[in-house]
PDB file of all heavy atoms in Angstrom:
ATOM      1  N   GLU A   1       0.851  -1.222   0.013  1.00  0.00           N
ATOM      2  CA  GLU A   1       0.022   0.014   0.024  1.00  0.00           C
ATOM      3  C   GLU A   1       0.837   1.240   0.029  1.00  0.00           C
ATOM      4  O   GLU A   1       1.762   1.359   0.763  1.00  0.00           O
ATOM      5  CB  GLU A   1      -0.877   0.004   1.238  1.00  0.00           C
ATOM      6  CG  GLU A   1      -1.873   1.184   1.251  1.00  0.00           C
ATOM      7  CD  GLU A   1      -2.843   1.092   2.390  1.00  0.00           C
ATOM      8  OE1 GLU A   1      -2.731   0.121   3.179  1.00  0.00           O
ATOM      9  OE2 GLU A   1      -3.665   2.009   2.559  1.00  0.00           O
ATOM     10  N   ALA A   2       0.588   2.191  -0.893  1.00  0.00           N
ATOM     11  CA  ALA A   2       1.268   3.453  -0.955  1.00  0.00           C
ATOM     12  C   ALA A   2       0.615   4.493  -0.110  1.00  0.00           C
ATOM     13  O   ALA A   2      -0.561   4.394   0.231  1.00  0.00           O
ATOM     14  CB  ALA A   2       1.293   3.957  -2.417  1.00  0.00           C
ATOM     15  N   PRO A   3       1.385   5.422   0.424  1.00  0.00           N
ATOM     16  CA  PRO A   3       0.802   6.464   1.254  1.00  0.00           C
ATOM     17  C   PRO A   3      -0.186   7.301   0.508  1.00  0.00           C
ATOM     18  O   PRO A   3      -0.065   7.540  -0.672  1.00  0.00           O
ATOM     19  CB  PRO A   3       1.998   7.315   1.739  1.00  0.00           C
ATOM     20  CG  PRO A   3       3.091   7.062   0.698  1.00  0.00           C
ATOM     21  CD  PRO A   3       2.820   5.646   0.228  1.00  0.00           C
ATOM     22  N   ALA A   4      -1.213   7.732   1.167  1.00  0.00           N
ATOM     23  CA  ALA A   4      -2.266   8.463   0.544  1.00  0.00           C
ATOM     24  C   ALA A   4      -1.815   9.807   0.016  1.00  0.00           C
ATOM     25  O   ALA A   4      -2.221  10.228  -1.063  1.00  0.00           O
ATOM     26  CB  ALA A   4      -3.447   8.706   1.549  1.00  0.00           C
ATOM     27  N   SER A   5      -0.917  10.435   0.686  1.00  0.00           N
ATOM     28  CA  SER A   5      -0.442  11.763   0.289  1.00  0.00           C
ATOM     29  C   SER A   5       0.844  12.091   1.019  1.00  0.00           C
ATOM     30  O   SER A   5       1.034  11.707   2.188  1.00  0.00           O
ATOM     31  CB  SER A   5      -1.460  12.837   0.536  1.00  0.00           C
ATOM     32  OG  SER A   5      -0.951  14.167   0.339  1.00  0.00           O
ATOM     33  N   HIS A   6       1.794  12.852   0.378  1.00  0.00           N
ATOM     34  CA  HIS A   6       2.993  13.255   1.014  1.00  0.00           C
ATOM     35  C   HIS A   6       2.679  14.243   2.169  1.00  0.00           C
ATOM     36  O   HIS A   6       3.476  14.466   3.076  1.00  0.00           O
ATOM     37  CB  HIS A   6       3.928  13.944   0.021  1.00  0.00           C
ATOM     38  CG  HIS A   6       3.483  15.252  -0.480  1.00  0.00           C
ATOM     39  ND1 HIS A   6       2.540  15.285  -1.537  1.00  0.00           N
ATOM     40  CD2 HIS A   6       3.726  16.501  -0.107  1.00  0.00           C
ATOM     41  CE1 HIS A   6       2.289  16.557  -1.787  1.00  0.00           C
ATOM     42  NE2 HIS A   6       2.944  17.346  -0.936  1.00  0.00           N
ATOM     43  N   GLU A   7       1.480  14.824   2.171  1.00  0.00           N
ATOM     44  CA  GLU A   7       1.123  15.757   3.236  1.00  0.00           C
ATOM     45  C   GLU A   7       0.791  15.073   4.566  1.00  0.00           C
ATOM     46  O   GLU A   7       0.668  15.689   5.586  1.00  0.00           O
ATOM     47  CB  GLU A   7      -0.124  16.526   2.809  1.00  0.00           C
ATOM     48  CG  GLU A   7       0.123  17.480   1.568  1.00  0.00           C
ATOM     49  CD  GLU A   7      -1.068  18.303   1.174  1.00  0.00           C
ATOM     50  OE1 GLU A   7      -2.145  18.045   1.784  1.00  0.00           O
ATOM     51  OE2 GLU A   7      -0.966  19.151   0.342  1.00  0.00           O
ATOM     52  N   ASP A   8       0.755  13.719   4.565  1.00  0.00           N
ATOM     53  CA  ASP A   8       0.549  12.979   5.797  1.00  0.00           C
ATOM     54  C   ASP A   8       1.849  12.895   6.575  1.00  0.00           C
ATOM     55  O   ASP A   8       1.832  12.432   7.759  1.00  0.00           O
ATOM     56  CB  ASP A   8       0.061  11.569   5.494  1.00  0.00           C
ATOM     57  CG  ASP A   8      -1.352  11.530   4.944  1.00  0.00           C
ATOM     58  OD1 ASP A   8      -2.030  12.488   5.127  1.00  0.00           O
ATOM     59  OD2 ASP A   8      -1.690  10.564   4.236  1.00  0.00           O
ATOM     60  N   VAL A   9       2.935  13.326   6.001  1.00  0.00           N
ATOM     61  CA  VAL A   9       4.267  13.230   6.636  1.00  0.00           C
ATOM     62  C   VAL A   9       4.871  14.555   6.877  1.00  0.00           C
ATOM     63  O   VAL A   9       4.946  15.414   5.995  1.00  0.00           O
ATOM     64  CB  VAL A   9       5.214  12.350   5.764  1.00  0.00           C
ATOM     65  CG1 VAL A   9       6.623  12.332   6.339  1.00  0.00           C
ATOM     66  CG2 VAL A   9       4.692  10.932   5.651  1.00  0.00           C
ATOM     67  N   LEU A  10       5.327  14.791   8.129  1.00  0.00           N
ATOM     68  CA  LEU A  10       6.056  16.037   8.459  1.00  0.00           C
ATOM     69  C   LEU A  10       7.524  15.628   8.787  1.00  0.00           C
ATOM     70  O   LEU A  10       7.789  15.169   9.851  1.00  0.00           O
ATOM     71  CB  LEU A  10       5.413  16.703   9.691  1.00  0.00           C
ATOM     72  CG  LEU A  10       6.098  17.968  10.193  1.00  0.00           C
ATOM     73  CD1 LEU A  10       6.022  19.067   9.098  1.00  0.00           C
ATOM     74  CD2 LEU A  10       5.476  18.458  11.497  1.00  0.00           C
ATOM     75  N   PRO A  11       8.413  15.710   7.747  1.00  0.00           N
ATOM     76  CA  PRO A  11       9.776  15.167   7.927  1.00  0.00           C
ATOM     77  C   PRO A  11      10.593  15.988   8.959  1.00  0.00           C
ATOM     78  O   PRO A  11      10.487  17.219   8.934  1.00  0.00           O
ATOM     79  CB  PRO A  11      10.382  15.280   6.532  1.00  0.00           C
ATOM     80  CG  PRO A  11       9.554  16.283   5.854  1.00  0.00           C
ATOM     81  CD  PRO A  11       8.185  16.209   6.396  1.00  0.00           C
ATOM     82  N   VAL A  12      11.282  15.315   9.816  1.00  0.00           N
ATOM     83  CA  VAL A  12      12.092  15.971  10.854  1.00  0.00           C
ATOM     84  C   VAL A  12      13.502  15.473  10.843  1.00  0.00           C
ATOM     85  O   VAL A  12      13.764  14.265  10.684  1.00  0.00           O
ATOM     86  CB  VAL A  12      11.459  15.692  12.300  1.00  0.00           C
ATOM     87  CG1 VAL A  12      12.298  16.317  13.354  1.00  0.00           C
ATOM     88  CG2 VAL A  12      10.036  16.309  12.313  1.00  0.00           C
ATOM     89  N   ILE A  13      14.417  16.423  10.918  1.00  0.00           N
ATOM     90  CA  ILE A  13      15.851  16.114  11.035  1.00  0.00           C
ATOM     91  C   ILE A  13      16.351  16.568  12.423  1.00  0.00           C
ATOM     92  O   ILE A  13      16.088  17.699  12.806  1.00  0.00           O
ATOM     93  CB  ILE A  13      16.699  16.783   9.928  1.00  0.00           C
ATOM     94  CG1 ILE A  13      16.249  16.311   8.551  1.00  0.00           C
ATOM     95  CG2 ILE A  13      18.169  16.535  10.164  1.00  0.00           C
ATOM     96  CD1 ILE A  13      16.965  16.994   7.420  1.00  0.00           C
ATOM     97  N   SER A  14      17.009  15.631  13.160  1.00  0.00           N
ATOM     98  CA  SER A  14      17.337  15.993  14.576  1.00  0.00           C
ATOM     99  C   SER A  14      18.812  15.751  14.863  1.00  0.00           C
ATOM    100  O   SER A  14      19.383  14.815  14.323  1.00  0.00           O
ATOM    101  CB  SER A  14      16.500  15.119  15.571  1.00  0.00           C
ATOM    102  OG  SER A  14      15.120  15.272  15.292  1.00  0.00           O
ATOM    103  N   ASN A  15      19.373  16.637  15.722  1.00  0.00           N
ATOM    104  CA  ASN A  15      20.693  16.376  16.256  1.00  0.00           C
ATOM    105  C   ASN A  15      20.565  16.102  17.686  1.00  0.00           C
ATOM    106  O   ASN A  15      19.927  16.904  18.437  1.00  0.00           O
ATOM    107  CB  ASN A  15      21.612  17.621  16.028  1.00  0.00           C
ATOM    108  CG  ASN A  15      21.983  17.752  14.562  1.00  0.00           C
ATOM    109  OD1 ASN A  15      21.895  16.876  13.795  1.00  0.00           O
ATOM    110  ND2 ASN A  15      22.390  18.969  14.232  1.00  0.00           N
ATOM    111  N   LEU A  16      21.072  15.006  18.228  1.00  0.00           N
ATOM    112  CA  LEU A  16      20.862  14.587  19.625  1.00  0.00           C
ATOM    113  C   LEU A  16      22.264  14.347  20.272  1.00  0.00           C
ATOM    114  O   LEU A  16      23.225  14.113  19.635  1.00  0.00           O
ATOM    115  CB  LEU A  16      20.011  13.403  19.718  1.00  0.00           C
ATOM    116  CG  LEU A  16      18.634  13.437  19.073  1.00  0.00           C
ATOM    117  CD1 LEU A  16      18.602  12.750  17.754  1.00  0.00           C
ATOM    118  CD2 LEU A  16      17.645  12.806  20.010  1.00  0.00           C
ATOM    119  N   THR A  17      22.234  14.365  21.561  1.00  0.00           N
ATOM    120  CA  THR A  17      23.448  14.076  22.401  1.00  0.00           C
ATOM    121  C   THR A  17      23.288  12.692  22.956  1.00  0.00           C
ATOM    122  O   THR A  17      22.208  12.321  23.458  1.00  0.00           O
ATOM    123  CB  THR A  17      23.581  15.100  23.501  1.00  0.00           C
ATOM    124  OG1 THR A  17      23.693  16.407  22.977  1.00  0.00           O
ATOM    125  CG2 THR A  17      24.876  14.831  24.347  1.00  0.00           C
ATOM    126  N   ILE A  18      24.348  11.896  22.842  1.00  0.00           N
ATOM    127  CA  ILE A  18      24.310  10.587  23.363  1.00  0.00           C
ATOM    128  C   ILE A  18      24.172  10.576  24.886  1.00  0.00           C
ATOM    129  O   ILE A  18      24.884  11.302  25.592  1.00  0.00           O
ATOM    130  CB  ILE A  18      25.551   9.770  23.021  1.00  0.00           C
ATOM    131  CG1 ILE A  18      25.653   9.500  21.455  1.00  0.00           C
ATOM    132  CG2 ILE A  18      25.669   8.410  23.743  1.00  0.00           C
ATOM    133  CD1 ILE A  18      26.818   8.818  21.033  1.00  0.00           C
ATOM    134  N   SER A  19      23.221   9.799  25.367  1.00  0.00           N
ATOM    135  CA  SER A  19      23.017   9.710  26.837  1.00  0.00           C
ATOM    136  C   SER A  19      22.749   8.267  27.200  1.00  0.00           C
ATOM    137  O   SER A  19      21.862   7.661  26.617  1.00  0.00           O
ATOM    138  CB  SER A  19      21.880  10.596  27.301  1.00  0.00           C
ATOM    139  OG  SER A  19      21.600  10.436  28.711  1.00  0.00           O
ATOM    140  N   PRO A  20      23.492   7.687  28.117  1.00  0.00           N
ATOM    141  CA  PRO A  20      23.342   6.228  28.464  1.00  0.00           C
ATOM    142  C   PRO A  20      22.043   5.879  29.166  1.00  0.00           C
ATOM    143  O   PRO A  20      21.620   4.738  29.155  1.00  0.00           O
ATOM    144  CB  PRO A  20      24.545   5.928  29.342  1.00  0.00           C
ATOM    145  CG  PRO A  20      24.894   7.230  29.948  1.00  0.00           C
ATOM    146  CD  PRO A  20      24.586   8.251  28.915  1.00  0.00           C
ATOM    147  N   ASP A  21      21.410   6.887  29.793  1.00  0.00           N
ATOM    148  CA  ASP A  21      20.110   6.677  30.512  1.00  0.00           C
ATOM    149  C   ASP A  21      18.919   7.241  29.791  1.00  0.00           C
ATOM    150  O   ASP A  21      17.970   7.627  30.480  1.00  0.00           O
ATOM    151  CB  ASP A  21      20.273   7.178  31.922  1.00  0.00           C
ATOM    152  CG  ASP A  21      20.663   8.639  32.001  1.00  0.00           C
ATOM    153  OD1 ASP A  21      20.952   9.215  30.897  1.00  0.00           O
ATOM    154  OD2 ASP A  21      20.751   9.198  33.082  1.00  0.00           O
ATOM    155  N   THR A  22      18.944   7.349  28.485  1.00  0.00           N
ATOM    156  CA  THR A  22      17.880   7.917  27.743  1.00  0.00           C
ATOM    157  C   THR A  22      17.429   6.987  26.615  1.00  0.00           C
ATOM    158  O   THR A  22      18.236   6.372  25.982  1.00  0.00           O
ATOM    159  CB  THR A  22      18.318   9.289  27.080  1.00  0.00           C
ATOM    160  OG1 THR A  22      18.637  10.212  28.093  1.00  0.00           O
ATOM    161  CG2 THR A  22      17.212   9.840  26.173  1.00  0.00           C
ATOM    162  N   VAL A  23      16.107   6.881  26.518  1.00  0.00           N
ATOM    163  CA  VAL A  23      15.490   6.116  25.396  1.00  0.00           C
ATOM    164  C   VAL A  23      14.843   7.138  24.436  1.00  0.00           C
ATOM    165  O   VAL A  23      13.919   7.848  24.894  1.00  0.00           O
ATOM    166  CB  VAL A  23      14.501   5.067  25.858  1.00  0.00           C
ATOM    167  CG1 VAL A  23      13.844   4.395  24.707  1.00  0.00           C
ATOM    168  CG2 VAL A  23      15.206   4.055  26.761  1.00  0.00           C
ATOM    169  N   THR A  24      15.216   7.228  23.241  1.00  0.00           N
ATOM    170  CA  THR A  24      14.722   8.173  22.294  1.00  0.00           C
ATOM    171  C   THR A  24      13.708   7.562  21.393  1.00  0.00           C
ATOM    172  O   THR A  24      13.877   6.470  20.883  1.00  0.00           O
ATOM    173  CB  THR A  24      15.864   8.768  21.386  1.00  0.00           C
ATOM    174  OG1 THR A  24      16.840   9.351  22.213  1.00  0.00           O
ATOM    175  CG2 THR A  24      15.318   9.784  20.449  1.00  0.00           C
ATOM    176  N   ASP A  25      12.528   8.250  21.234  1.00  0.00           N
ATOM    177  CA  ASP A  25      11.491   7.746  20.281  1.00  0.00           C
ATOM    178  C   ASP A  25      11.924   8.066  18.881  1.00  0.00           C
ATOM    179  O   ASP A  25      12.313   9.221  18.536  1.00  0.00           O
ATOM    180  CB  ASP A  25      10.168   8.494  20.630  1.00  0.00           C
ATOM    181  CG  ASP A  25       9.544   7.958  21.849  1.00  0.00           C
ATOM    182  OD1 ASP A  25       9.945   6.896  22.364  1.00  0.00           O
ATOM    183  OD2 ASP A  25       8.578   8.602  22.346  1.00  0.00           O
ATOM    184  N   LEU A  26      11.822   7.039  18.046  1.00  0.00           N
ATOM    185  CA  LEU A  26      12.102   7.192  16.592  1.00  0.00           C
ATOM    186  C   LEU A  26      10.724   6.899  15.874  1.00  0.00           C
ATOM    187  O   LEU A  26      10.231   5.858  15.832  1.00  0.00           O
ATOM    188  CB  LEU A  26      13.160   6.206  16.142  1.00  0.00           C
ATOM    189  CG  LEU A  26      13.520   6.311  14.640  1.00  0.00           C
ATOM    190  CD1 LEU A  26      14.242   7.625  14.348  1.00  0.00           C
ATOM    191  CD2 LEU A  26      14.516   5.144  14.247  1.00  0.00           C
ATOM    192  N   ARG A  27      10.250   8.048  15.318  1.00  0.00           N
ATOM    193  CA  ARG A  27       8.887   7.994  14.744  1.00  0.00           C
ATOM    194  C   ARG A  27       9.053   7.620  13.264  1.00  0.00           C
ATOM    195  O   ARG A  27       9.640   8.336  12.476  1.00  0.00           O
ATOM    196  CB  ARG A  27       8.180   9.314  14.875  1.00  0.00           C
ATOM    197  CG  ARG A  27       7.977   9.732  16.356  1.00  0.00           C
ATOM    198  CD  ARG A  27       7.752  11.188  16.562  1.00  0.00           C
ATOM    199  NE  ARG A  27       8.908  11.968  16.173  1.00  0.00           N
ATOM    200  CZ  ARG A  27       9.039  13.307  16.274  1.00  0.00           C
ATOM    201  NH1 ARG A  27       8.014  13.989  16.788  1.00  0.00           N
ATOM    202  NH2 ARG A  27      10.115  13.939  15.909  1.00  0.00           N
ATOM    203  N   LEU A  28       8.413   6.537  12.854  1.00  0.00           N
ATOM    204  CA  LEU A  28       8.602   5.965  11.564  1.00  0.00           C
ATOM    205  C   LEU A  28       7.280   5.797  10.774  1.00  0.00           C
ATOM    206  O   LEU A  28       6.185   5.971  11.382  1.00  0.00           O
ATOM    207  CB  LEU A  28       9.267   4.562  11.597  1.00  0.00           C
ATOM    208  CG  LEU A  28      10.608   4.578  12.297  1.00  0.00           C
ATOM    209  CD1 LEU A  28      11.075   3.085  12.537  1.00  0.00           C
ATOM    210  CD2 LEU A  28      11.677   5.281  11.472  1.00  0.00           C
ATOM    211  N   LYS A  29       7.343   5.598   9.505  1.00  0.00           N
ATOM    212  CA  LYS A  29       6.158   5.346   8.651  1.00  0.00           C
ATOM    213  C   LYS A  29       6.530   4.410   7.525  1.00  0.00           C
ATOM    214  O   LYS A  29       7.645   4.475   7.005  1.00  0.00           O
ATOM    215  CB  LYS A  29       5.651   6.708   8.092  1.00  0.00           C
ATOM    216  CG  LYS A  29       4.292   6.621   7.417  1.00  0.00           C
ATOM    217  CD  LYS A  29       3.791   7.958   7.019  1.00  0.00           C
ATOM    218  CE  LYS A  29       2.378   7.900   6.338  1.00  0.00           C
ATOM    219  NZ  LYS A  29       1.387   7.464   7.314  1.00  0.00           N
ATOM    220  N   PRO A  30       5.637   3.485   7.219  1.00  0.00           N
ATOM    221  CA  PRO A  30       5.920   2.546   6.102  1.00  0.00           C
ATOM    222  C   PRO A  30       6.208   3.308   4.789  1.00  0.00           C
ATOM    223  O   PRO A  30       5.705   4.353   4.482  1.00  0.00           O
ATOM    224  CB  PRO A  30       4.567   1.796   5.972  1.00  0.00           C
ATOM    225  CG  PRO A  30       3.989   1.775   7.300  1.00  0.00           C
ATOM    226  CD  PRO A  30       4.356   3.136   7.863  1.00  0.00           C
ATOM    227  N   LEU A  31       7.211   2.761   3.999  1.00  0.00           N
ATOM    228  CA  LEU A  31       7.671   3.305   2.781  1.00  0.00           C
ATOM    229  C   LEU A  31       8.664   4.475   2.964  1.00  0.00           C
ATOM    230  O   LEU A  31       9.120   5.100   2.046  1.00  0.00           O
ATOM    231  CB  LEU A  31       6.577   3.735   1.818  1.00  0.00           C
ATOM    232  CG  LEU A  31       5.509   2.669   1.475  1.00  0.00           C
ATOM    233  CD1 LEU A  31       4.522   3.217   0.486  1.00  0.00           C
ATOM    234  CD2 LEU A  31       6.182   1.385   1.001  1.00  0.00           C
ATOM    235  N   TYR A  32       8.965   4.791   4.220  1.00  0.00           N
ATOM    236  CA  TYR A  32      10.013   5.814   4.507  1.00  0.00           C
ATOM    237  C   TYR A  32      11.107   5.187   5.445  1.00  0.00           C
ATOM    238  O   TYR A  32      10.788   4.380   6.265  1.00  0.00           O
ATOM    239  CB  TYR A  32       9.361   7.014   5.253  1.00  0.00           C
ATOM    240  CG  TYR A  32       8.369   7.756   4.395  1.00  0.00           C
ATOM    241  CD1 TYR A  32       7.085   7.417   4.264  1.00  0.00           C
ATOM    242  CD2 TYR A  32       8.823   8.969   3.720  1.00  0.00           C
ATOM    243  CE1 TYR A  32       6.189   8.110   3.496  1.00  0.00           C
ATOM    244  CE2 TYR A  32       7.927   9.630   2.898  1.00  0.00           C
ATOM    245  CZ  TYR A  32       6.622   9.270   2.838  1.00  0.00           C
ATOM    246  OH  TYR A  32       5.708   9.969   2.030  1.00  0.00           O
ATOM    247  N   ALA A  33      12.240   5.615   5.187  1.00  0.00           N
ATOM    248  CA  ALA A  33      13.431   5.156   5.991  1.00  0.00           C
ATOM    249  C   ALA A  33      14.059   6.244   6.797  1.00  0.00           C
ATOM    250  O   ALA A  33      14.096   7.372   6.315  1.00  0.00           O
ATOM    251  CB  ALA A  33      14.484   4.455   5.028  1.00  0.00           C
ATOM    252  N   ALA A  34      14.546   5.904   7.983  1.00  0.00           N
ATOM    253  CA  ALA A  34      15.214   6.870   8.825  1.00  0.00           C
ATOM    254  C   ALA A  34      16.738   6.552   8.803  1.00  0.00           C
ATOM    255  O   ALA A  34      17.139   5.346   8.900  1.00  0.00           O
ATOM    256  CB  ALA A  34      14.667   6.804  10.231  1.00  0.00           C
ATOM    257  N   THR A  35      17.539   7.601   8.779  1.00  0.00           N
ATOM    258  CA  THR A  35      18.946   7.418   8.823  1.00  0.00           C
ATOM    259  C   THR A  35      19.498   7.866  10.181  1.00  0.00           C
ATOM    260  O   THR A  35      19.222   8.983  10.601  1.00  0.00           O
ATOM    261  CB  THR A  35      19.713   8.273   7.683  1.00  0.00           C
ATOM    262  OG1 THR A  35      19.204   7.792   6.446  1.00  0.00           O
ATOM    263  CG2 THR A  35      21.141   8.121   7.819  1.00  0.00           C
ATOM    264  N   ILE A  36      20.280   7.008  10.880  1.00  0.00           N
ATOM    265  CA  ILE A  36      20.859   7.369  12.153  1.00  0.00           C
ATOM    266  C   ILE A  36      22.357   7.421  11.928  1.00  0.00           C
ATOM    267  O   ILE A  36      23.018   6.467  11.491  1.00  0.00           O
ATOM    268  CB  ILE A  36      20.528   6.290  13.214  1.00  0.00           C
ATOM    269  CG1 ILE A  36      18.991   6.168  13.364  1.00  0.00           C
ATOM    270  CG2 ILE A  36      21.171   6.629  14.550  1.00  0.00           C
ATOM    271  CD1 ILE A  36      18.613   5.021  14.303  1.00  0.00           C
ATOM    272  N   ARG A  37      22.960   8.562  12.206  1.00  0.00           N
ATOM    273  CA  ARG A  37      24.380   8.780  12.040  1.00  0.00           C
ATOM    274  C   ARG A  37      25.022   8.862  13.427  1.00  0.00           C
ATOM    275  O   ARG A  37      24.664   9.742  14.221  1.00  0.00           O
ATOM    276  CB  ARG A  37      24.724  10.055  11.232  1.00  0.00           C
ATOM    277  CG  ARG A  37      26.187  10.287  11.049  1.00  0.00           C
ATOM    278  CD  ARG A  37      26.418  11.571  10.260  1.00  0.00           C
ATOM    279  NE  ARG A  37      25.962  11.421   8.887  1.00  0.00           N
ATOM    280  CZ  ARG A  37      26.707  10.896   7.918  1.00  0.00           C
ATOM    281  NH1 ARG A  37      27.918  10.455   8.147  1.00  0.00           N
ATOM    282  NH2 ARG A  37      26.231  10.806   6.679  1.00  0.00           N
ATOM    283  N   MET A  38      25.946   8.012  13.709  1.00  0.00           N
ATOM    284  CA  MET A  38      26.677   7.960  14.944  1.00  0.00           C
ATOM    285  C   MET A  38      28.006   8.733  14.861  1.00  0.00           C
ATOM    286  O   MET A  38      28.471   8.930  13.782  1.00  0.00           O
ATOM    287  CB  MET A  38      26.945   6.520  15.402  1.00  0.00           C
ATOM    288  CG  MET A  38      25.687   5.693  15.548  1.00  0.00           C
ATOM    289  SD  MET A  38      24.538   6.292  16.796  1.00  0.00           S
ATOM    290  CE  MET A  38      25.572   6.079  18.259  1.00  0.00           C
ATOM    291  N   PRO A  39      28.534   9.259  15.988  1.00  0.00           N
ATOM    292  CA  PRO A  39      29.771  10.011  15.909  1.00  0.00           C
ATOM    293  C   PRO A  39      31.018   9.190  15.671  1.00  0.00           C
ATOM    294  O   PRO A  39      32.125   9.718  15.525  1.00  0.00           O
ATOM    295  CB  PRO A  39      29.854  10.664  17.290  1.00  0.00           C
ATOM    296  CG  PRO A  39      29.056   9.749  18.174  1.00  0.00           C
ATOM    297  CD  PRO A  39      27.974   9.180  17.342  1.00  0.00           C
ATOM    298  N   GLU A  40      30.869   7.841  15.666  1.00  0.00           N
ATOM    299  CA  GLU A  40      32.001   6.912  15.492  1.00  0.00           C
ATOM    300  C   GLU A  40      31.451   5.608  14.888  1.00  0.00           C
ATOM    301  O   GLU A  40      30.249   5.384  14.906  1.00  0.00           O
ATOM    302  CB  GLU A  40      32.721   6.716  16.798  1.00  0.00           C
ATOM    303  CG  GLU A  40      31.834   6.047  17.859  1.00  0.00           C
ATOM    304  CD  GLU A  40      32.565   5.921  19.217  1.00  0.00           C
ATOM    305  OE1 GLU A  40      33.603   6.584  19.358  1.00  0.00           O
ATOM    306  OE2 GLU A  40      32.186   5.154  20.075  1.00  0.00           O
ATOM    307  N   PRO A  41      32.352   4.754  14.443  1.00  0.00           N
ATOM    308  CA  PRO A  41      31.911   3.544  13.771  1.00  0.00           C
ATOM    309  C   PRO A  41      30.985   2.694  14.685  1.00  0.00           C
ATOM    310  O   PRO A  41      31.249   2.547  15.913  1.00  0.00           O
ATOM    311  CB  PRO A  41      33.192   2.830  13.451  1.00  0.00           C
ATOM    312  CG  PRO A  41      34.201   3.914  13.260  1.00  0.00           C
ATOM    313  CD  PRO A  41      33.763   4.947  14.297  1.00  0.00           C
ATOM    314  N   VAL A  42      30.023   2.036  14.102  1.00  0.00           N
ATOM    315  CA  VAL A  42      29.108   1.198  14.824  1.00  0.00           C
ATOM    316  C   VAL A  42      29.647  -0.264  14.848  1.00  0.00           C
ATOM    317  O   VAL A  42      30.132  -0.782  13.830  1.00  0.00           O
ATOM    318  CB  VAL A  42      27.705   1.170  14.112  1.00  0.00           C
ATOM    319  CG1 VAL A  42      26.735   0.231  14.765  1.00  0.00           C
ATOM    320  CG2 VAL A  42      27.151   2.589  14.186  1.00  0.00           C
TER     321      VAL A  42
END
């Protein structure tokens, strides 16, 4: 199934600080991919 309209999506780009005691919500949608860039190799 394709998305009904591109207007259903509000794209967000975020810069975050690594914190060992934090769980971050990653909001996703089918047919869209999220890129996570780490400050060093994974």
